[in-house]
PDB file of N, CA and C in Angstrom:
ATOM      1  N   UNK A   1       0.830  -1.174  -0.018  1.00  0.00           N
ATOM      2  CA  UNK A   1      -0.016   0.006  -0.057  1.00  0.00           C
ATOM      3  C   UNK A   1       0.896   1.244  -0.007  1.00  0.00           C
ATOM      4  N   UNK A   2       0.577   2.170  -0.902  1.00  0.00           N
ATOM      5  CA  UNK A   2       1.316   3.454  -0.993  1.00  0.00           C
ATOM      6  C   UNK A   2       0.664   4.491  -0.166  1.00  0.00           C
ATOM      7  N   UNK A   3       1.365   5.536   0.062  1.00  0.00           N
ATOM      8  CA  UNK A   3       0.814   6.679   0.766  1.00  0.00           C
ATOM      9  C   UNK A   3       0.148   7.557  -0.238  1.00  0.00           C
ATOM     10  N   UNK A   4      -1.040   8.043  -0.008  1.00  0.00           N
ATOM     11  CA  UNK A   4      -1.690   9.022  -0.879  1.00  0.00           C
ATOM     12  C   UNK A   4      -1.594  10.375  -0.276  1.00  0.00           C
ATOM     13  N   UNK A   5      -1.103  11.295  -1.076  1.00  0.00           N
ATOM     14  CA  UNK A   5      -0.948  12.688  -0.685  1.00  0.00           C
ATOM     15  C   UNK A   5      -2.018  13.466  -1.426  1.00  0.00           C
ATOM     16  N   UNK A   6      -2.817  14.174  -0.681  1.00  0.00           N
ATOM     17  CA  UNK A   6      -3.884  15.040  -1.304  1.00  0.00           C
ATOM     18  C   UNK A   6      -3.255  16.327  -1.748  1.00  0.00           C
ATOM     19  N   UNK A   7      -3.514  16.650  -2.968  1.00  0.00           N
ATOM     20  CA  UNK A   7      -3.031  17.928  -3.542  1.00  0.00           C
ATOM     21  C   UNK A   7      -4.205  18.907  -3.496  1.00  0.00           C
ATOM     22  N   UNK A   8      -3.985  20.089  -3.034  1.00  0.00           N
ATOM     23  CA  UNK A   8      -5.078  21.048  -3.052  1.00  0.00           C
ATOM     24  C   UNK A   8      -5.656  21.298  -4.416  1.00  0.00           C
ATOM     25  N   UNK A   9      -6.957  21.470  -4.496  1.00  0.00           N
ATOM     26  CA  UNK A   9      -7.642  21.727  -5.769  1.00  0.00           C
ATOM     27  C   UNK A   9      -8.256  23.109  -5.764  1.00  0.00           C
ATOM     28  N   UNK A  10      -8.174  23.799  -6.939  1.00  0.00           N
ATOM     29  CA  UNK A  10      -8.694  25.183  -7.072  1.00  0.00           C
ATOM     30  C   UNK A  10      -9.555  25.114  -8.328  1.00  0.00           C
ATOM     31  N   UNK A  11     -10.822  25.721  -8.210  1.00  0.00           N
ATOM     32  CA  UNK A  11     -11.633  25.735  -9.403  1.00  0.00           C
ATOM     33  C   UNK A  11     -11.100  26.772 -10.362  1.00  0.00           C
ATOM     34  N   UNK A  12     -11.431  26.658 -11.624  1.00  0.00           N
ATOM     35  CA  UNK A  12     -10.861  27.481 -12.648  1.00  0.00           C
ATOM     36  C   UNK A  12     -11.141  28.937 -12.477  1.00  0.00           C
ATOM     37  N   UNK A  13     -12.305  29.325 -12.002  1.00  0.00           N
ATOM     38  CA  UNK A  13     -12.609  30.731 -11.734  1.00  0.00           C
ATOM     39  C   UNK A  13     -11.684  31.275 -10.628  1.00  0.00           C
ATOM     40  N   UNK A  14     -11.549  30.538  -9.551  1.00  0.00           N
ATOM     41  CA  UNK A  14     -10.615  31.031  -8.478  1.00  0.00           C
ATOM     42  C   UNK A  14      -9.201  31.149  -9.007  1.00  0.00           C
ATOM     43  N   UNK A  15      -8.788  30.213  -9.896  1.00  0.00           N
ATOM     44  CA  UNK A  15      -7.421  30.213 -10.451  1.00  0.00           C
ATOM     45  C   UNK A  15      -7.191  31.467 -11.246  1.00  0.00           C
ATOM     46  N   UNK A  16      -8.202  31.817 -12.075  1.00  0.00           N
ATOM     47  CA  UNK A  16      -8.098  33.057 -12.873  1.00  0.00           C
ATOM     48  C   UNK A  16      -8.019  34.301 -11.984  1.00  0.00           C
ATOM     49  N   UNK A  17      -8.827  34.271 -10.936  1.00  0.00           N
ATOM     50  CA  UNK A  17      -8.873  35.443 -10.032  1.00  0.00           C
ATOM     51  C   UNK A  17      -7.595  35.605  -9.228  1.00  0.00           C
ATOM     52  N   UNK A  18      -7.008  34.515  -8.823  1.00  0.00           N
ATOM     53  CA  UNK A  18      -5.804  34.570  -7.957  1.00  0.00           C
ATOM     54  C   UNK A  18      -4.561  34.000  -8.604  1.00  0.00           C
ATOM     55  N   UNK A  19      -4.443  34.137  -9.872  1.00  0.00           N
ATOM     56  CA  UNK A  19      -3.370  33.480 -10.614  1.00  0.00           C
ATOM     57  C   UNK A  19      -1.966  33.888 -10.109  1.00  0.00           C
ATOM     58  N   UNK A  20      -1.720  35.095  -9.854  1.00  0.00           N
ATOM     59  CA  UNK A  20      -0.368  35.574  -9.377  1.00  0.00           C
ATOM     60  C   UNK A  20      -0.039  34.895  -8.063  1.00  0.00           C
ATOM     61  N   UNK A  21      -1.007  34.893  -7.144  1.00  0.00           N
ATOM     62  CA  UNK A  21      -0.749  34.273  -5.814  1.00  0.00           C
ATOM     63  C   UNK A  21      -0.486  32.776  -5.966  1.00  0.00           C
ATOM     64  N   UNK A  22      -1.274  32.087  -6.808  1.00  0.00           N
ATOM     65  CA  UNK A  22      -1.082  30.644  -6.979  1.00  0.00           C
ATOM     66  C   UNK A  22       0.218  30.296  -7.666  1.00  0.00           C
ATOM     67  N   UNK A  23       0.641  31.111  -8.682  1.00  0.00           N
ATOM     68  CA  UNK A  23       1.912  30.891  -9.362  1.00  0.00           C
ATOM     69  C   UNK A  23       3.047  31.046  -8.325  1.00  0.00           C
ATOM     70  N   UNK A  24       2.979  32.054  -7.494  1.00  0.00           N
ATOM     71  CA  UNK A  24       4.027  32.275  -6.486  1.00  0.00           C
ATOM     72  C   UNK A  24       4.088  31.091  -5.512  1.00  0.00           C
ATOM     73  N   UNK A  25       2.960  30.531  -5.131  1.00  0.00           N
ATOM     74  CA  UNK A  25       2.921  29.459  -4.209  1.00  0.00           C
ATOM     75  C   UNK A  25       3.516  28.200  -4.850  1.00  0.00           C
ATOM     76  N   UNK A  26       3.150  27.971  -6.172  1.00  0.00           N
ATOM     77  CA  UNK A  26       3.733  26.878  -6.936  1.00  0.00           C
ATOM     78  C   UNK A  26       5.216  27.017  -7.074  1.00  0.00           C
ATOM     79  N   UNK A  27       5.712  28.210  -7.255  1.00  0.00           N
ATOM     80  CA  UNK A  27       7.134  28.441  -7.391  1.00  0.00           C
ATOM     81  C   UNK A  27       7.896  28.128  -6.120  1.00  0.00           C
ATOM     82  N   UNK A  28       7.211  28.176  -4.976  1.00  0.00           N
ATOM     83  CA  UNK A  28       7.773  27.865  -3.694  1.00  0.00           C
ATOM     84  C   UNK A  28       7.664  26.358  -3.345  1.00  0.00           C
ATOM     85  N   UNK A  29       7.061  25.592  -4.307  1.00  0.00           N
ATOM     86  CA  UNK A  29       7.105  24.067  -4.132  1.00  0.00           C
ATOM     87  C   UNK A  29       5.686  23.598  -3.753  1.00  0.00           C
ATOM     88  N   UNK A  30       4.644  24.450  -3.701  1.00  0.00           N
ATOM     89  CA  UNK A  30       3.310  23.938  -3.399  1.00  0.00           C
ATOM     90  C   UNK A  30       2.527  23.673  -4.709  1.00  0.00           C
ATOM     91  N   UNK A  31       2.387  22.427  -5.061  1.00  0.00           N
ATOM     92  CA  UNK A  31       1.621  22.107  -6.303  1.00  0.00           C
ATOM     93  C   UNK A  31       0.159  22.168  -6.014  1.00  0.00           C
ATOM     94  N   UNK A  32      -0.654  22.322  -7.024  1.00  0.00           N
ATOM     95  CA  UNK A  32      -2.091  22.270  -6.894  1.00  0.00           C
ATOM     96  C   UNK A  32      -2.700  21.828  -8.220  1.00  0.00           C
ATOM     97  N   UNK A  33      -3.986  21.496  -8.161  1.00  0.00           N
ATOM     98  CA  UNK A  33      -4.746  20.987  -9.302  1.00  0.00           C
ATOM     99  C   UNK A  33      -5.832  22.067  -9.613  1.00  0.00           C
ATOM    100  N   UNK A  34      -5.992  22.369 -10.901  1.00  0.00           N
ATOM    101  CA  UNK A  34      -7.049  23.270 -11.340  1.00  0.00           C
ATOM    102  C   UNK A  34      -8.187  22.350 -11.835  1.00  0.00           C
ATOM    103  N   UNK A  35      -9.439  22.550 -11.337  1.00  0.00           N
ATOM    104  CA  UNK A  35     -10.525  21.691 -11.853  1.00  0.00           C
ATOM    105  C   UNK A  35     -11.565  22.636 -12.510  1.00  0.00           C
ATOM    106  N   UNK A  36     -12.420  22.017 -13.362  1.00  0.00           N
ATOM    107  CA  UNK A  36     -13.503  22.696 -13.981  1.00  0.00           C
ATOM    108  C   UNK A  36     -14.751  21.837 -13.778  1.00  0.00           C
ATOM    109  N   UNK A  37     -15.704  22.465 -13.125  1.00  0.00           N
ATOM    110  CA  UNK A  37     -16.956  21.770 -12.787  1.00  0.00           C
ATOM    111  C   UNK A  37     -16.655  20.455 -11.990  1.00  0.00           C
ATOM    112  N   UNK A  38     -15.700  20.514 -11.055  1.00  0.00           N
ATOM    113  CA  UNK A  38     -15.370  19.417 -10.261  1.00  0.00           C
ATOM    114  C   UNK A  38     -14.496  18.347 -10.901  1.00  0.00           C
ATOM    115  N   UNK A  39     -14.160  18.553 -12.133  1.00  0.00           N
ATOM    116  CA  UNK A  39     -13.344  17.520 -12.803  1.00  0.00           C
ATOM    117  C   UNK A  39     -11.899  18.057 -12.938  1.00  0.00           C
ATOM    118  N   UNK A  40     -10.882  17.338 -12.337  1.00  0.00           N
ATOM    119  CA  UNK A  40      -9.488  17.830 -12.419  1.00  0.00           C
ATOM    120  C   UNK A  40      -9.040  17.961 -13.892  1.00  0.00           C
ATOM    121  N   UNK A  41      -8.452  19.120 -14.181  1.00  0.00           N
ATOM    122  CA  UNK A  41      -8.002  19.420 -15.552  1.00  0.00           C
ATOM    123  C   UNK A  41      -6.509  19.414 -15.730  1.00  0.00           C
ATOM    124  N   UNK A  42      -5.789  20.134 -14.841  1.00  0.00           N
ATOM    125  CA  UNK A  42      -4.370  20.278 -14.893  1.00  0.00           C
ATOM    126  C   UNK A  42      -3.722  20.330 -13.466  1.00  0.00           C
ATOM    127  N   UNK A  43      -2.434  19.863 -13.434  1.00  0.00           N
ATOM    128  CA  UNK A  43      -1.669  20.023 -12.208  1.00  0.00           C
ATOM    129  C   UNK A  43      -0.651  21.093 -12.436  1.00  0.00           C
ATOM    130  N   UNK A  44      -0.575  22.014 -11.517  1.00  0.00           N
ATOM    131  CA  UNK A  44       0.476  23.057 -11.572  1.00  0.00           C
ATOM    132  C   UNK A  44       1.580  22.684 -10.569  1.00  0.00           C
ATOM    133  N   UNK A  45       2.724  22.564 -11.085  1.00  0.00           N
ATOM    134  CA  UNK A  45       3.939  22.178 -10.238  1.00  0.00           C
ATOM    135  C   UNK A  45       5.097  23.107 -10.509  1.00  0.00           C
ATOM    136  N   UNK A  46       5.936  23.237  -9.496  1.00  0.00           N
ATOM    137  CA  UNK A  46       7.095  24.184  -9.715  1.00  0.00           C
ATOM    138  C   UNK A  46       8.084  23.520 -10.711  1.00  0.00           C
ATOM    139  N   UNK A  47       8.771  24.418 -11.444  1.00  0.00           N
ATOM    140  CA  UNK A  47       9.833  23.962 -12.308  1.00  0.00           C
ATOM    141  C   UNK A  47      10.980  23.457 -11.408  1.00  0.00           C
ATOM    142  N   UNK A  48      11.796  22.567 -11.907  1.00  0.00           N
ATOM    143  CA  UNK A  48      12.965  22.146 -11.156  1.00  0.00           C
ATOM    144  C   UNK A  48      13.906  23.279 -10.981  1.00  0.00           C
ATOM    145  N   UNK A  49      14.470  23.413  -9.776  1.00  0.00           N
ATOM    146  CA  UNK A  49      15.508  24.440  -9.567  1.00  0.00           C
ATOM    147  C   UNK A  49      16.703  24.129 -10.433  1.00  0.00           C
ATOM    148  N   UNK A  50      17.370  25.225 -10.955  1.00  0.00           N
ATOM    149  CA  UNK A  50      18.549  24.943 -11.753  1.00  0.00           C
ATOM    150  C   UNK A  50      19.600  24.281 -10.823  1.00  0.00           C
ATOM    151  N   UNK A  51      20.471  23.432 -11.389  1.00  0.00           N
ATOM    152  CA  UNK A  51      21.502  22.835 -10.536  1.00  0.00           C
ATOM    153  C   UNK A  51      22.437  23.877  -9.955  1.00  0.00           C
ATOM    154  N   UNK A  52      22.862  23.605  -8.742  1.00  0.00           N
ATOM    155  CA  UNK A  52      23.785  24.599  -8.104  1.00  0.00           C
ATOM    156  C   UNK A  52      25.099  24.587  -8.809  1.00  0.00           C
ATOM    157  N   UNK A  53      25.734  25.731  -8.859  1.00  0.00           N
ATOM    158  CA  UNK A  53      27.019  25.799  -9.534  1.00  0.00           C
ATOM    159  C   UNK A  53      28.054  25.089  -8.668  1.00  0.00           C
ATOM    160  N   UNK A  54      28.972  24.395  -9.316  1.00  0.00           N
ATOM    161  CA  UNK A  54      30.049  23.655  -8.609  1.00  0.00           C
ATOM    162  C   UNK A  54      31.170  24.639  -8.319  1.00  0.00           C
ATOM    163  N   UNK A  55      31.812  24.368  -7.206  1.00  0.00           N
ATOM    164  CA  UNK A  55      32.980  25.190  -6.860  1.00  0.00           C
ATOM    165  C   UNK A  55      34.167  24.367  -7.322  1.00  0.00           C
ATOM    166  N   UNK A  56      34.966  24.886  -8.251  1.00  0.00           N
ATOM    167  CA  UNK A  56      36.155  24.204  -8.765  1.00  0.00           C
ATOM    168  C   UNK A  56      37.231  24.262  -7.720  1.00  0.00           C
ATOM    169  N   UNK A  57      37.936  23.196  -7.582  1.00  0.00           N
ATOM    170  CA  UNK A  57      39.076  23.117  -6.674  1.00  0.00           C
ATOM    171  C   UNK A  57      38.668  22.831  -5.218  1.00  0.00           C
ATOM    172  N   UNK A  58      37.447  22.352  -5.010  1.00  0.00           N
ATOM    173  CA  UNK A  58      37.007  22.155  -3.632  1.00  0.00           C
ATOM    174  C   UNK A  58      37.783  21.006  -2.915  1.00  0.00           C
ATOM    175  N   UNK A  59      38.512  20.181  -3.679  1.00  0.00           N
ATOM    176  CA  UNK A  59      39.316  19.117  -3.074  1.00  0.00           C
ATOM    177  C   UNK A  59      40.741  19.418  -3.148  1.00  0.00           C
ATOM    178  N   UNK A  60      41.133  20.636  -3.385  1.00  0.00           N
ATOM    179  CA  UNK A  60      42.585  20.980  -3.502  1.00  0.00           C
ATOM    180  C   UNK A  60      43.247  20.639  -2.152  1.00  0.00           C
ATOM    181  N   UNK A  61      44.348  19.904  -2.316  1.00  0.00           N
ATOM    182  CA  UNK A  61      45.104  19.546  -1.181  1.00  0.00           C
ATOM    183  C   UNK A  61      44.665  18.283  -0.448  1.00  0.00           C
ATOM    184  N   UNK A  62      43.599  17.647  -0.946  1.00  0.00           N
ATOM    185  CA  UNK A  62      42.973  16.529  -0.226  1.00  0.00           C
ATOM    186  C   UNK A  62      43.623  15.173  -0.640  1.00  0.00           C
ATOM    187  N   UNK A  63      44.398  15.214  -1.695  1.00  0.00           N
ATOM    188  CA  UNK A  63      45.031  13.959  -2.167  1.00  0.00           C
ATOM    189  C   UNK A  63      46.171  14.244  -3.123  1.00  0.00           C
ATOM    190  N   UNK A  64      46.946  13.192  -3.430  1.00  0.00           N
ATOM    191  CA  UNK A  64      48.083  13.380  -4.282  1.00  0.00           C
ATOM    192  C   UNK A  64      48.048  12.233  -5.315  1.00  0.00           C
ATOM    193  N   UNK A  65      48.231  12.579  -6.617  1.00  0.00           N
ATOM    194  CA  UNK A  65      48.417  11.578  -7.644  1.00  0.00           C
ATOM    195  C   UNK A  65      49.899  11.390  -7.885  1.00  0.00           C
ATOM    196  N   UNK A  66      50.352  10.234  -7.604  1.00  0.00           N
ATOM    197  CA  UNK A  66      51.781  10.010  -7.750  1.00  0.00           C
ATOM    198  C   UNK A  66      52.198   9.410  -9.109  1.00  0.00           C
ATOM    199  N   UNK A  67      51.255   9.060  -9.868  1.00  0.00           N
ATOM    200  CA  UNK A  67      51.540   8.408 -11.138  1.00  0.00           C
ATOM    201  C   UNK A  67      52.151   9.389 -12.127  1.00  0.00           C
ATOM    202  N   UNK A  68      53.049   8.998 -12.922  1.00  0.00           N
ATOM    203  CA  UNK A  68      53.551   9.780 -14.056  1.00  0.00           C
ATOM    204  C   UNK A  68      52.845   9.287 -15.270  1.00  0.00           C
ATOM    205  N   UNK A  69      51.654   9.925 -15.582  1.00  0.00           N
ATOM    206  CA  UNK A  69      50.672   9.447 -16.505  1.00  0.00           C
ATOM    207  C   UNK A  69      51.334   9.146 -17.862  1.00  0.00           C
ATOM    208  N   UNK A  70      52.143  10.089 -18.392  1.00  0.00           N
ATOM    209  CA  UNK A  70      52.667   9.818 -19.750  1.00  0.00           C
ATOM    210  C   UNK A  70      53.632   8.577 -19.716  1.00  0.00           C
ATOM    211  N   UNK A  71      54.464   8.450 -18.699  1.00  0.00           N
ATOM    212  CA  UNK A  71      55.379   7.361 -18.626  1.00  0.00           C
ATOM    213  C   UNK A  71      54.704   6.052 -18.279  1.00  0.00           C
ATOM    214  N   UNK A  72      53.857   6.092 -17.317  1.00  0.00           N
ATOM    215  CA  UNK A  72      53.204   4.885 -16.769  1.00  0.00           C
ATOM    216  C   UNK A  72      52.235   4.261 -17.819  1.00  0.00           C
ATOM    217  N   UNK A  73      51.586   5.086 -18.633  1.00  0.00           N
ATOM    218  CA  UNK A  73      50.575   4.648 -19.513  1.00  0.00           C
ATOM    219  C   UNK A  73      50.949   4.845 -20.973  1.00  0.00           C
ATOM    220  N   UNK A  74      52.197   5.049 -21.324  1.00  0.00           N
ATOM    221  CA  UNK A  74      52.641   5.307 -22.700  1.00  0.00           C
ATOM    222  C   UNK A  74      52.170   4.213 -23.665  1.00  0.00           C
ATOM    223  N   UNK A  75      52.383   2.947 -23.269  1.00  0.00           N
ATOM    224  CA  UNK A  75      52.024   1.878 -24.178  1.00  0.00           C
ATOM    225  C   UNK A  75      50.473   1.902 -24.424  1.00  0.00           C
ATOM    226  N   UNK A  76      49.733   2.102 -23.391  1.00  0.00           N
ATOM    227  CA  UNK A  76      48.265   2.117 -23.516  1.00  0.00           C
ATOM    228  C   UNK A  76      47.804   3.235 -24.412  1.00  0.00           C
ATOM    229  N   UNK A  77      48.381   4.449 -24.225  1.00  0.00           N
ATOM    230  CA  UNK A  77      48.032   5.569 -25.020  1.00  0.00           C
ATOM    231  C   UNK A  77      48.376   5.350 -26.471  1.00  0.00           C
ATOM    232  N   UNK A  78      49.520   4.812 -26.712  1.00  0.00           N
ATOM    233  CA  UNK A  78      50.007   4.552 -28.092  1.00  0.00           C
ATOM    234  C   UNK A  78      48.986   3.540 -28.784  1.00  0.00           C
ATOM    235  N   UNK A  79      48.636   2.539 -28.000  1.00  0.00           N
ATOM    236  CA  UNK A  79      47.673   1.496 -28.507  1.00  0.00           C
ATOM    237  C   UNK A  79      46.363   2.045 -28.888  1.00  0.00           C
ATOM    238  N   UNK A  80      45.808   3.010 -28.124  1.00  0.00           N
ATOM    239  CA  UNK A  80      44.512   3.638 -28.375  1.00  0.00           C
ATOM    240  C   UNK A  80      44.493   4.503 -29.654  1.00  0.00           C
ATOM    241  N   UNK A  81      45.677   4.996 -30.029  1.00  0.00           N
ATOM    242  CA  UNK A  81      45.737   5.939 -31.126  1.00  0.00           C
ATOM    243  C   UNK A  81      46.303   5.254 -32.418  1.00  0.00           C
ATOM    244  N   UNK A  82      46.345   3.946 -32.537  1.00  0.00           N
ATOM    245  CA  UNK A  82      46.788   3.254 -33.685  1.00  0.00           C
ATOM    246  C   UNK A  82      45.715   3.186 -34.706  1.00  0.00           C
TER     247      UNK A  82
END
């Protein structure tokens, strides 16, 4: 058995009257359904937030690569480019 979550429903007239407020609420993560004559028509959900920017160099000084890549893998690199 799954958990059922009730999503608030707004009739189409109320949605037209309070569209700005409803859009702001949806943008904050509160989804809702717009119905017409008691029949659900559409679900309004927030867009996904853009991915957070990564900080480059966040692991600086956390580890050391001791391999001499060109020397240690010269044969493998040559093989890949034949």
